[in-house]
PDB file of N, CA and C in Angstrom:
ATOM      1  N   MET A   1     -49.596  -0.916 -16.751  1.00  0.00           N
ATOM      2  CA  MET A   1     -50.467  -1.744 -18.396  1.00  0.00           C
ATOM      3  C   MET A   1     -49.903  -0.962 -19.223  1.00  0.00           C
ATOM      4  N   ASN A   2     -48.607  -1.589 -20.157  1.00  0.00           N
ATOM      5  CA  ASN A   2     -48.588  -0.749 -21.361  1.00  0.00           C
ATOM      6  C   ASN A   2     -49.481  -0.951 -22.458  1.00  0.00           C
ATOM      7  N   LYS A   3     -49.288  -0.617 -23.865  1.00  0.00           N
ATOM      8  CA  LYS A   3     -50.485  -0.740 -24.637  1.00  0.00           C
ATOM      9  C   LYS A   3     -50.511  -2.175 -25.300  1.00  0.00           C
ATOM     10  N   THR A   4     -49.533  -2.779 -25.190  1.00  0.00           N
ATOM     11  CA  THR A   4     -50.006  -4.357 -25.582  1.00  0.00           C
ATOM     12  C   THR A   4     -50.885  -5.019 -24.566  1.00  0.00           C
ATOM     13  N   GLU A   5     -50.546  -4.982 -23.229  1.00  0.00           N
ATOM     14  CA  GLU A   5     -51.452  -5.305 -22.316  1.00  0.00           C
ATOM     15  C   GLU A   5     -52.788  -4.974 -22.138  1.00  0.00           C
ATOM     16  N   LEU A   6     -52.932  -3.431 -22.943  1.00  0.00           N
ATOM     17  CA  LEU A   6     -54.332  -2.958 -22.932  1.00  0.00           C
ATOM     18  C   LEU A   6     -55.353  -3.489 -24.151  1.00  0.00           C
ATOM     19  N   VAL A   7     -53.961  -3.737 -25.081  1.00  0.00           N
ATOM     20  CA  VAL A   7     -54.732  -4.737 -26.655  1.00  0.00           C
ATOM     21  C   VAL A   7     -55.201  -6.171 -26.036  1.00  0.00           C
ATOM     22  N   ASP A   8     -54.540  -6.770 -25.400  1.00  0.00           N
ATOM     23  CA  ASP A   8     -54.715  -8.404 -25.162  1.00  0.00           C
ATOM     24  C   ASP A   8     -55.536  -7.840 -24.159  1.00  0.00           C
ATOM     25  N   HIS A   9     -56.408  -7.053 -23.118  1.00  0.00           N
ATOM     26  CA  HIS A   9     -57.199  -7.118 -22.118  1.00  0.00           C
ATOM     27  C   HIS A   9     -58.486  -6.758 -22.724  1.00  0.00           C
ATOM     28  N   ILE A  10     -58.313  -5.702 -23.598  1.00  0.00           N
ATOM     29  CA  ILE A  10     -59.894  -5.592 -24.508  1.00  0.00           C
ATOM     30  C   ILE A  10     -60.066  -6.786 -25.675  1.00  0.00           C
ATOM     31  N   ALA A  11     -59.141  -7.741 -26.188  1.00  0.00           N
ATOM     32  CA  ALA A  11     -59.154  -8.368 -26.812  1.00  0.00           C
ATOM     33  C   ALA A  11     -60.259  -9.439 -26.242  1.00  0.00           C
ATOM     34  N   GLN A  12     -59.639  -9.764 -24.426  1.00  0.00           N
ATOM     35  CA  GLN A  12     -60.383 -10.798 -23.916  1.00  0.00           C
ATOM     36  C   GLN A  12     -61.491 -10.531 -23.666  1.00  0.00           C
ATOM     37  N   GLN A  13     -61.858  -9.332 -23.253  1.00  0.00           N
ATOM     38  CA  GLN A  13     -63.262  -8.662 -22.153  1.00  0.00           C
ATOM     39  C   GLN A  13     -64.165  -8.717 -23.842  1.00  0.00           C
ATOM     40  N   ALA A  14     -63.538  -8.603 -24.330  1.00  0.00           N
ATOM     41  CA  ALA A  14     -64.834  -7.810 -25.935  1.00  0.00           C
ATOM     42  C   ALA A  14     -64.829  -9.139 -26.547  1.00  0.00           C
ATOM     43  N   ASP A  15     -64.203 -10.505 -26.231  1.00  0.00           N
ATOM     44  CA  ASP A  15     -64.026 -11.868 -26.657  1.00  0.00           C
ATOM     45  C   ASP A  15     -64.093 -11.600 -28.735  1.00  0.00           C
ATOM     46  N   ILE A  16     -62.951 -10.297 -29.114  1.00  0.00           N
ATOM     47  CA  ILE A  16     -62.713 -10.148 -30.219  1.00  0.00           C
ATOM     48  C   ILE A  16     -61.058 -10.771 -30.411  1.00  0.00           C
ATOM     49  N   SER A  17     -60.794 -10.752 -31.562  1.00  0.00           N
ATOM     50  CA  SER A  17     -59.233 -10.865 -32.044  1.00  0.00           C
ATOM     51  C   SER A  17     -58.441  -9.818 -31.761  1.00  0.00           C
ATOM     52  N   LYS A  18     -56.680  -9.881 -31.260  1.00  0.00           N
ATOM     53  CA  LYS A  18     -56.073  -8.871 -31.056  1.00  0.00           C
ATOM     54  C   LYS A  18     -55.737  -7.982 -32.019  1.00  0.00           C
ATOM     55  N   ALA A  19     -56.273  -8.717 -33.314  1.00  0.00           N
ATOM     56  CA  ALA A  19     -55.951  -7.487 -34.583  1.00  0.00           C
ATOM     57  C   ALA A  19     -56.984  -6.514 -34.320  1.00  0.00           C
ATOM     58  N   ALA A  20     -58.415  -6.999 -34.088  1.00  0.00           N
ATOM     59  CA  ALA A  20     -59.362  -6.020 -33.903  1.00  0.00           C
ATOM     60  C   ALA A  20     -59.530  -4.830 -32.901  1.00  0.00           C
ATOM     61  N   ALA A  21     -59.370  -5.647 -32.055  1.00  0.00           N
ATOM     62  CA  ALA A  21     -58.871  -4.906 -30.257  1.00  0.00           C
ATOM     63  C   ALA A  21     -57.734  -3.822 -30.532  1.00  0.00           C
ATOM     64  N   GLN A  22     -56.416  -3.992 -31.380  1.00  0.00           N
ATOM     65  CA  GLN A  22     -55.660  -3.176 -31.745  1.00  0.00           C
ATOM     66  C   GLN A  22     -56.255  -1.887 -32.512  1.00  0.00           C
ATOM     67  N   ARG A  23     -57.195  -2.102 -33.662  1.00  0.00           N
ATOM     68  CA  ARG A  23     -57.699  -1.266 -34.412  1.00  0.00           C
ATOM     69  C   ARG A  23     -58.614  -0.249 -33.699  1.00  0.00           C
ATOM     70  N   ALA A  24     -59.157  -1.084 -32.935  1.00  0.00           N
ATOM     71  CA  ALA A  24     -60.326  -0.593 -31.780  1.00  0.00           C
ATOM     72  C   ALA A  24     -59.255   0.805 -30.817  1.00  0.00           C
ATOM     73  N   LEU A  25     -58.543   0.254 -30.508  1.00  0.00           N
ATOM     74  CA  LEU A  25     -58.115   1.048 -29.336  1.00  0.00           C
ATOM     75  C   LEU A  25     -57.056   2.001 -30.222  1.00  0.00           C
ATOM     76  N   GLU A  26     -56.597   1.963 -31.142  1.00  0.00           N
ATOM     77  CA  GLU A  26     -55.845   3.000 -32.545  1.00  0.00           C
ATOM     78  C   GLU A  26     -57.114   4.173 -32.645  1.00  0.00           C
ATOM     79  N   ALA A  27     -58.306   3.381 -32.886  1.00  0.00           N
ATOM     80  CA  ALA A  27     -59.077   4.305 -33.297  1.00  0.00           C
ATOM     81  C   ALA A  27     -59.305   5.484 -32.678  1.00  0.00           C
ATOM     82  N   VAL A  28     -59.694   4.813 -31.164  1.00  0.00           N
ATOM     83  CA  VAL A  28     -60.181   6.118 -29.848  1.00  0.00           C
ATOM     84  C   VAL A  28     -59.023   6.473 -29.689  1.00  0.00           C
ATOM     85  N   ILE A  29     -57.626   6.170 -29.890  1.00  0.00           N
ATOM     86  CA  ILE A  29     -56.394   6.873 -29.324  1.00  0.00           C
ATOM     87  C   ILE A  29     -56.525   8.259 -30.684  1.00  0.00           C
ATOM     88  N   GLY A  30     -56.965   7.814 -31.781  1.00  0.00           N
ATOM     89  CA  GLY A  30     -56.925   8.791 -32.911  1.00  0.00           C
ATOM     90  C   GLY A  30     -57.973   9.690 -32.739  1.00  0.00           C
ATOM     91  N   GLY A  31     -59.040   9.182 -32.390  1.00  0.00           N
ATOM     92  CA  GLY A  31     -60.278  10.234 -32.060  1.00  0.00           C
ATOM     93  C   GLY A  31     -60.053  11.558 -30.687  1.00  0.00           C
ATOM     94  N   VAL A  32     -59.479  11.057 -29.966  1.00  0.00           N
ATOM     95  CA  VAL A  32     -59.111  11.718 -28.844  1.00  0.00           C
ATOM     96  C   VAL A  32     -57.750  12.574 -29.517  1.00  0.00           C
ATOM     97  N   ARG A  33     -57.128  12.324 -29.951  1.00  0.00           N
ATOM     98  CA  ARG A  33     -55.835  13.180 -30.430  1.00  0.00           C
ATOM     99  C   ARG A  33     -56.616  14.254 -31.895  1.00  0.00           C
ATOM    100  N   ALA A  34     -57.243  13.692 -32.341  1.00  0.00           N
ATOM    101  CA  ALA A  34     -57.703  14.746 -33.619  1.00  0.00           C
ATOM    102  C   ALA A  34     -58.599  15.689 -32.771  1.00  0.00           C
ATOM    103  N   THR A  35     -59.590  15.552 -31.689  1.00  0.00           N
ATOM    104  CA  THR A  35     -60.398  16.292 -31.043  1.00  0.00           C
ATOM    105  C   THR A  35     -59.681  17.088 -30.288  1.00  0.00           C
ATOM    106  N   LEU A  36     -58.814  17.033 -29.791  1.00  0.00           N
ATOM    107  CA  LEU A  36     -57.673  17.746 -28.832  1.00  0.00           C
ATOM    108  C   LEU A  36     -56.841  18.885 -29.712  1.00  0.00           C
ATOM    109  N   LYS A  37     -56.326  18.019 -30.821  1.00  0.00           N
ATOM    110  CA  LYS A  37     -55.748  19.034 -31.882  1.00  0.00           C
ATOM    111  C   LYS A  37     -56.511  20.562 -32.489  1.00  0.00           C
ATOM    112  N   LYS A  38     -57.762  19.853 -32.318  1.00  0.00           N
ATOM    113  CA  LYS A  38     -58.841  21.079 -32.879  1.00  0.00           C
ATOM    114  C   LYS A  38     -59.420  21.980 -31.538  1.00  0.00           C
ATOM    115  N   GLY A  39     -58.736  21.471 -30.369  1.00  0.00           N
ATOM    116  CA  GLY A  39     -59.079  22.524 -29.118  1.00  0.00           C
ATOM    117  C   GLY A  39     -60.346  21.882 -28.401  1.00  0.00           C
ATOM    118  N   GLY A  40     -60.982  20.743 -28.826  1.00  0.00           N
ATOM    119  CA  GLY A  40     -62.111  19.924 -28.524  1.00  0.00           C
ATOM    120  C   GLY A  40     -61.854  19.618 -26.992  1.00  0.00           C
ATOM    121  N   THR A  41     -62.730  19.086 -26.191  1.00  0.00           N
ATOM    122  CA  THR A  41     -62.884  18.147 -25.197  1.00  0.00           C
ATOM    123  C   THR A  41     -63.095  16.491 -25.501  1.00  0.00           C
ATOM    124  N   VAL A  42     -63.150  15.919 -24.891  1.00  0.00           N
ATOM    125  CA  VAL A  42     -63.515  14.794 -24.979  1.00  0.00           C
ATOM    126  C   VAL A  42     -63.744  14.200 -23.570  1.00  0.00           C
ATOM    127  N   THR A  43     -65.167  13.603 -23.680  1.00  0.00           N
ATOM    128  CA  THR A  43     -65.660  13.509 -22.219  1.00  0.00           C
ATOM    129  C   THR A  43     -66.054  12.237 -22.105  1.00  0.00           C
ATOM    130  N   LEU A  44     -65.824  11.109 -21.208  1.00  0.00           N
ATOM    131  CA  LEU A  44     -66.100   9.480 -21.251  1.00  0.00           C
ATOM    132  C   LEU A  44     -66.618   9.810 -20.072  1.00  0.00           C
ATOM    133  N   VAL A  45     -68.460   9.307 -19.932  1.00  0.00           N
ATOM    134  CA  VAL A  45     -69.143   9.707 -18.721  1.00  0.00           C
ATOM    135  C   VAL A  45     -68.514   8.551 -17.777  1.00  0.00           C
ATOM    136  N   GLY A  46     -68.523   8.679 -16.201  1.00  0.00           N
ATOM    137  CA  GLY A  46     -67.910   7.654 -15.833  1.00  0.00           C
ATOM    138  C   GLY A  46     -66.295   7.415 -15.873  1.00  0.00           C
ATOM    139  N   PHE A  47     -65.703   8.100 -16.527  1.00  0.00           N
ATOM    140  CA  PHE A  47     -64.283   7.599 -16.989  1.00  0.00           C
ATOM    141  C   PHE A  47     -63.257   8.968 -16.283  1.00  0.00           C
ATOM    142  N   GLY A  48     -63.420  10.377 -17.445  1.00  0.00           N
ATOM    143  CA  GLY A  48     -62.777  11.557 -16.918  1.00  0.00           C
ATOM    144  C   GLY A  48     -63.317  12.411 -18.296  1.00  0.00           C
ATOM    145  N   THR A  49     -62.436  13.047 -18.770  1.00  0.00           N
ATOM    146  CA  THR A  49     -62.381  14.159 -19.466  1.00  0.00           C
ATOM    147  C   THR A  49     -61.002  14.545 -20.214  1.00  0.00           C
ATOM    148  N   PHE A  50     -60.803  13.973 -21.228  1.00  0.00           N
ATOM    149  CA  PHE A  50     -59.694  15.191 -21.971  1.00  0.00           C
ATOM    150  C   PHE A  50     -59.816  16.667 -22.534  1.00  0.00           C
ATOM    151  N   ALA A  51     -58.924  17.340 -22.055  1.00  0.00           N
ATOM    152  CA  ALA A  51     -58.746  18.725 -22.669  1.00  0.00           C
ATOM    153  C   ALA A  51     -57.756  18.884 -23.162  1.00  0.00           C
ATOM    154  N   VAL A  52     -57.463  20.366 -23.347  1.00  0.00           N
ATOM    155  CA  VAL A  52     -56.546  21.385 -23.469  1.00  0.00           C
ATOM    156  C   VAL A  52     -56.321  22.597 -22.873  1.00  0.00           C
ATOM    157  N   ASP A  53     -55.016  22.615 -22.255  1.00  0.00           N
ATOM    158  CA  ASP A  53     -54.997  23.483 -21.351  1.00  0.00           C
ATOM    159  C   ASP A  53     -53.602  24.639 -22.416  1.00  0.00           C
ATOM    160  N   LYS A  54     -53.410  25.863 -22.151  1.00  0.00           N
ATOM    161  CA  LYS A  54     -52.842  26.748 -22.307  1.00  0.00           C
ATOM    162  C   LYS A  54     -51.828  27.304 -21.448  1.00  0.00           C
ATOM    163  N   ARG A  55     -50.200  26.955 -21.681  1.00  0.00           N
ATOM    164  CA  ARG A  55     -49.248  27.423 -20.911  1.00  0.00           C
ATOM    165  C   ARG A  55     -48.911  28.428 -21.155  1.00  0.00           C
ATOM    166  N   THR A  56     -48.475  29.784 -20.343  1.00  0.00           N
ATOM    167  CA  THR A  56     -48.395  30.868 -20.878  1.00  0.00           C
ATOM    168  C   THR A  56     -46.611  30.868 -21.149  1.00  0.00           C
ATOM    169  N   ALA A  57     -46.482  31.601 -21.982  1.00  0.00           N
ATOM    170  CA  ALA A  57     -44.920  31.901 -21.769  1.00  0.00           C
ATOM    171  C   ALA A  57     -44.202  32.403 -20.727  1.00  0.00           C
ATOM    172  N   ARG A  58     -42.903  31.943 -20.436  1.00  0.00           N
ATOM    173  CA  ARG A  58     -42.567  32.444 -18.850  1.00  0.00           C
ATOM    174  C   ARG A  58     -40.648  32.289 -19.119  1.00  0.00           C
ATOM    175  N   THR A  59     -40.058  32.988 -18.230  1.00  0.00           N
ATOM    176  CA  THR A  59     -38.602  32.709 -18.196  1.00  0.00           C
ATOM    177  C   THR A  59     -37.942  31.589 -17.157  1.00  0.00           C
ATOM    178  N   GLY A  60     -37.245  31.106 -17.882  1.00  0.00           N
ATOM    179  CA  GLY A  60     -36.629  29.932 -16.723  1.00  0.00           C
ATOM    180  C   GLY A  60     -35.476  30.089 -16.571  1.00  0.00           C
ATOM    181  N   ARG A  61     -34.478  28.973 -15.394  1.00  0.00           N
ATOM    182  CA  ARG A  61     -33.641  29.082 -15.908  1.00  0.00           C
ATOM    183  C   ARG A  61     -32.253  27.933 -16.416  1.00  0.00           C
ATOM    184  N   ASN A  62     -31.495  28.219 -17.026  1.00  0.00           N
ATOM    185  CA  ASN A  62     -30.795  27.029 -17.282  1.00  0.00           C
ATOM    186  C   ASN A  62     -29.987  26.490 -16.196  1.00  0.00           C
ATOM    187  N   PRO A  63     -29.936  25.557 -15.700  1.00  0.00           N
ATOM    188  CA  PRO A  63     -29.395  25.217 -14.364  1.00  0.00           C
ATOM    189  C   PRO A  63     -27.985  24.816 -14.820  1.00  0.00           C
ATOM    190  N   ARG A  64     -27.320  24.669 -15.517  1.00  0.00           N
ATOM    191  CA  ARG A  64     -25.890  24.734 -16.107  1.00  0.00           C
ATOM    192  C   ARG A  64     -25.291  25.904 -15.760  1.00  0.00           C
ATOM    193  N   MET A  65     -25.974  26.929 -16.493  1.00  0.00           N
ATOM    194  CA  MET A  65     -25.061  27.794 -16.199  1.00  0.00           C
ATOM    195  C   MET A  65     -25.977  28.737 -15.614  1.00  0.00           C
ATOM    196  N   SER A  66     -26.780  28.979 -14.706  1.00  0.00           N
ATOM    197  CA  SER A  66     -27.380  29.830 -14.032  1.00  0.00           C
ATOM    198  C   SER A  66     -28.192  30.773 -15.180  1.00  0.00           C
ATOM    199  N   ALA A  67     -28.257  31.132 -16.716  1.00  0.00           N
ATOM    200  CA  ALA A  67     -28.583  32.126 -17.327  1.00  0.00           C
ATOM    201  C   ALA A  67     -30.330  32.009 -17.538  1.00  0.00           C
ATOM    202  N   ALA A  68     -30.610  32.928 -17.489  1.00  0.00           N
ATOM    203  CA  ALA A  68     -32.253  33.134 -18.137  1.00  0.00           C
ATOM    204  C   ALA A  68     -32.671  32.788 -19.589  1.00  0.00           C
ATOM    205  N   ILE A  69     -33.796  31.681 -19.512  1.00  0.00           N
ATOM    206  CA  ILE A  69     -34.159  31.421 -20.967  1.00  0.00           C
ATOM    207  C   ILE A  69     -35.479  31.768 -21.258  1.00  0.00           C
ATOM    208  N   LYS A  70     -35.707  31.755 -22.275  1.00  0.00           N
ATOM    209  CA  LYS A  70     -37.199  31.963 -22.360  1.00  0.00           C
ATOM    210  C   LYS A  70     -38.064  30.806 -22.815  1.00  0.00           C
ATOM    211  N   ILE A  71     -39.137  30.613 -21.908  1.00  0.00           N
ATOM    212  CA  ILE A  71     -39.827  29.322 -22.489  1.00  0.00           C
ATOM    213  C   ILE A  71     -41.250  29.275 -23.359  1.00  0.00           C
ATOM    214  N   LYS A  72     -41.349  28.960 -24.756  1.00  0.00           N
ATOM    215  CA  LYS A  72     -42.500  29.470 -25.327  1.00  0.00           C
ATOM    216  C   LYS A  72     -43.923  29.109 -24.427  1.00  0.00           C
ATOM    217  N   ALA A  73     -44.921  29.689 -25.132  1.00  0.00           N
ATOM    218  CA  ALA A  73     -46.518  28.868 -24.778  1.00  0.00           C
ATOM    219  C   ALA A  73     -46.501  27.751 -25.206  1.00  0.00           C
ATOM    220  N   ALA A  74     -47.438  27.178 -24.656  1.00  0.00           N
ATOM    221  CA  ALA A  74     -47.287  25.913 -25.632  1.00  0.00           C
ATOM    222  C   ALA A  74     -49.088  25.330 -24.723  1.00  0.00           C
ATOM    223  N   LYS A  75     -49.688  24.442 -25.943  1.00  0.00           N
ATOM    224  CA  LYS A  75     -50.163  23.820 -25.054  1.00  0.00           C
ATOM    225  C   LYS A  75     -50.647  22.476 -24.805  1.00  0.00           C
ATOM    226  N   ILE A  76     -51.100  22.161 -23.595  1.00  0.00           N
ATOM    227  CA  ILE A  76     -50.609  20.417 -23.481  1.00  0.00           C
ATOM    228  C   ILE A  76     -52.229  20.377 -22.690  1.00  0.00           C
ATOM    229  N   PRO A  77     -51.755  18.711 -23.254  1.00  0.00           N
ATOM    230  CA  PRO A  77     -53.258  17.756 -22.240  1.00  0.00           C
ATOM    231  C   PRO A  77     -53.418  17.484 -20.996  1.00  0.00           C
ATOM    232  N   LYS A  78     -54.793  17.842 -20.761  1.00  0.00           N
ATOM    233  CA  LYS A  78     -55.247  17.583 -19.450  1.00  0.00           C
ATOM    234  C   LYS A  78     -56.067  16.225 -19.159  1.00  0.00           C
ATOM    235  N   PHE A  79     -56.195  15.864 -18.393  1.00  0.00           N
ATOM    236  CA  PHE A  79     -57.230  14.604 -18.285  1.00  0.00           C
ATOM    237  C   PHE A  79     -57.822  14.769 -16.336  1.00  0.00           C
ATOM    238  N   ARG A  80     -59.184  15.084 -16.324  1.00  0.00           N
ATOM    239  CA  ARG A  80     -59.831  15.215 -15.332  1.00  0.00           C
ATOM    240  C   ARG A  80     -60.770  13.796 -14.788  1.00  0.00           C
ATOM    241  N   PRO A  81     -60.265  13.092 -14.191  1.00  0.00           N
ATOM    242  CA  PRO A  81     -61.087  12.007 -13.879  1.00  0.00           C
ATOM    243  C   PRO A  81     -62.294  12.298 -13.347  1.00  0.00           C
ATOM    244  N   GLY A  82     -63.107  11.565 -13.435  1.00  0.00           N
ATOM    245  CA  GLY A  82     -65.233  11.562 -13.287  1.00  0.00           C
ATOM    246  C   GLY A  82     -64.813  10.821 -11.932  1.00  0.00           C
ATOM    247  N   LYS A  83     -66.194  11.238 -11.323  1.00  0.00           N
ATOM    248  CA  LYS A  83     -66.483  11.204  -9.953  1.00  0.00           C
ATOM    249  C   LYS A  83     -66.620   8.743 -10.090  1.00  0.00           C
ATOM    250  N   VAL A  84     -66.860   8.398 -10.525  1.00  0.00           N
ATOM    251  CA  VAL A  84     -67.175   7.307 -10.741  1.00  0.00           C
ATOM    252  C   VAL A  84     -65.737   6.028 -10.825  1.00  0.00           C
ATOM    253  N   LEU A  85     -64.532   6.840 -11.616  1.00  0.00           N
ATOM    254  CA  LEU A  85     -63.113   6.561 -11.362  1.00  0.00           C
ATOM    255  C   LEU A  85     -62.889   7.015 -10.294  1.00  0.00           C
ATOM    256  N   LYS A  86     -62.722   8.373  -9.484  1.00  0.00           N
ATOM    257  CA  LYS A  86     -62.436   8.454  -8.537  1.00  0.00           C
ATOM    258  C   LYS A  86     -62.814   7.516  -7.359  1.00  0.00           C
ATOM    259  N   ASP A  87     -64.062   7.572  -7.413  1.00  0.00           N
ATOM    260  CA  ASP A  87     -64.855   6.762  -6.236  1.00  0.00           C
ATOM    261  C   ASP A  87     -64.291   5.064  -6.726  1.00  0.00           C
ATOM    262  N   ALA A  88     -64.127   4.578  -7.592  1.00  0.00           N
ATOM    263  CA  ALA A  88     -63.432   3.264  -7.686  1.00  0.00           C
ATOM    264  C   ALA A  88     -62.322   2.895  -7.280  1.00  0.00           C
ATOM    265  N   LEU A  89     -61.451   4.091  -7.061  1.00  0.00           N
ATOM    266  CA  LEU A  89     -59.842   3.880  -6.532  1.00  0.00           C
ATOM    267  C   LEU A  89     -59.907   4.502  -5.127  1.00  0.00           C
ATOM    268  N   ASN A  90     -61.073   4.684  -4.346  1.00  0.00           N
ATOM    269  CA  ASN A  90     -61.000   4.979  -3.073  1.00  0.00           C
ATOM    270  C   ASN A  90     -61.628   4.327  -2.032  1.00  0.00           C
TER     271      ASN A  90
END
């Protein structure tokens, strides 16, 4: 499912226009993005938790030249599914 299909699904399930569903989805995504950018977590009970994890700096290899390269430390988004979501899939 892509973003357009998700907007269609939201519009149909909530009995709202596609434009309103688009705005609602953008608001949710924007809220999650803003919270993660501040270093916080977003927990949706029954669905899961979005959080930020830190990846340490490390040394990697350039596959073409086999030379060592330095990979910078980075913040990465993580998602941990909730029990209800896991149970629904199994």
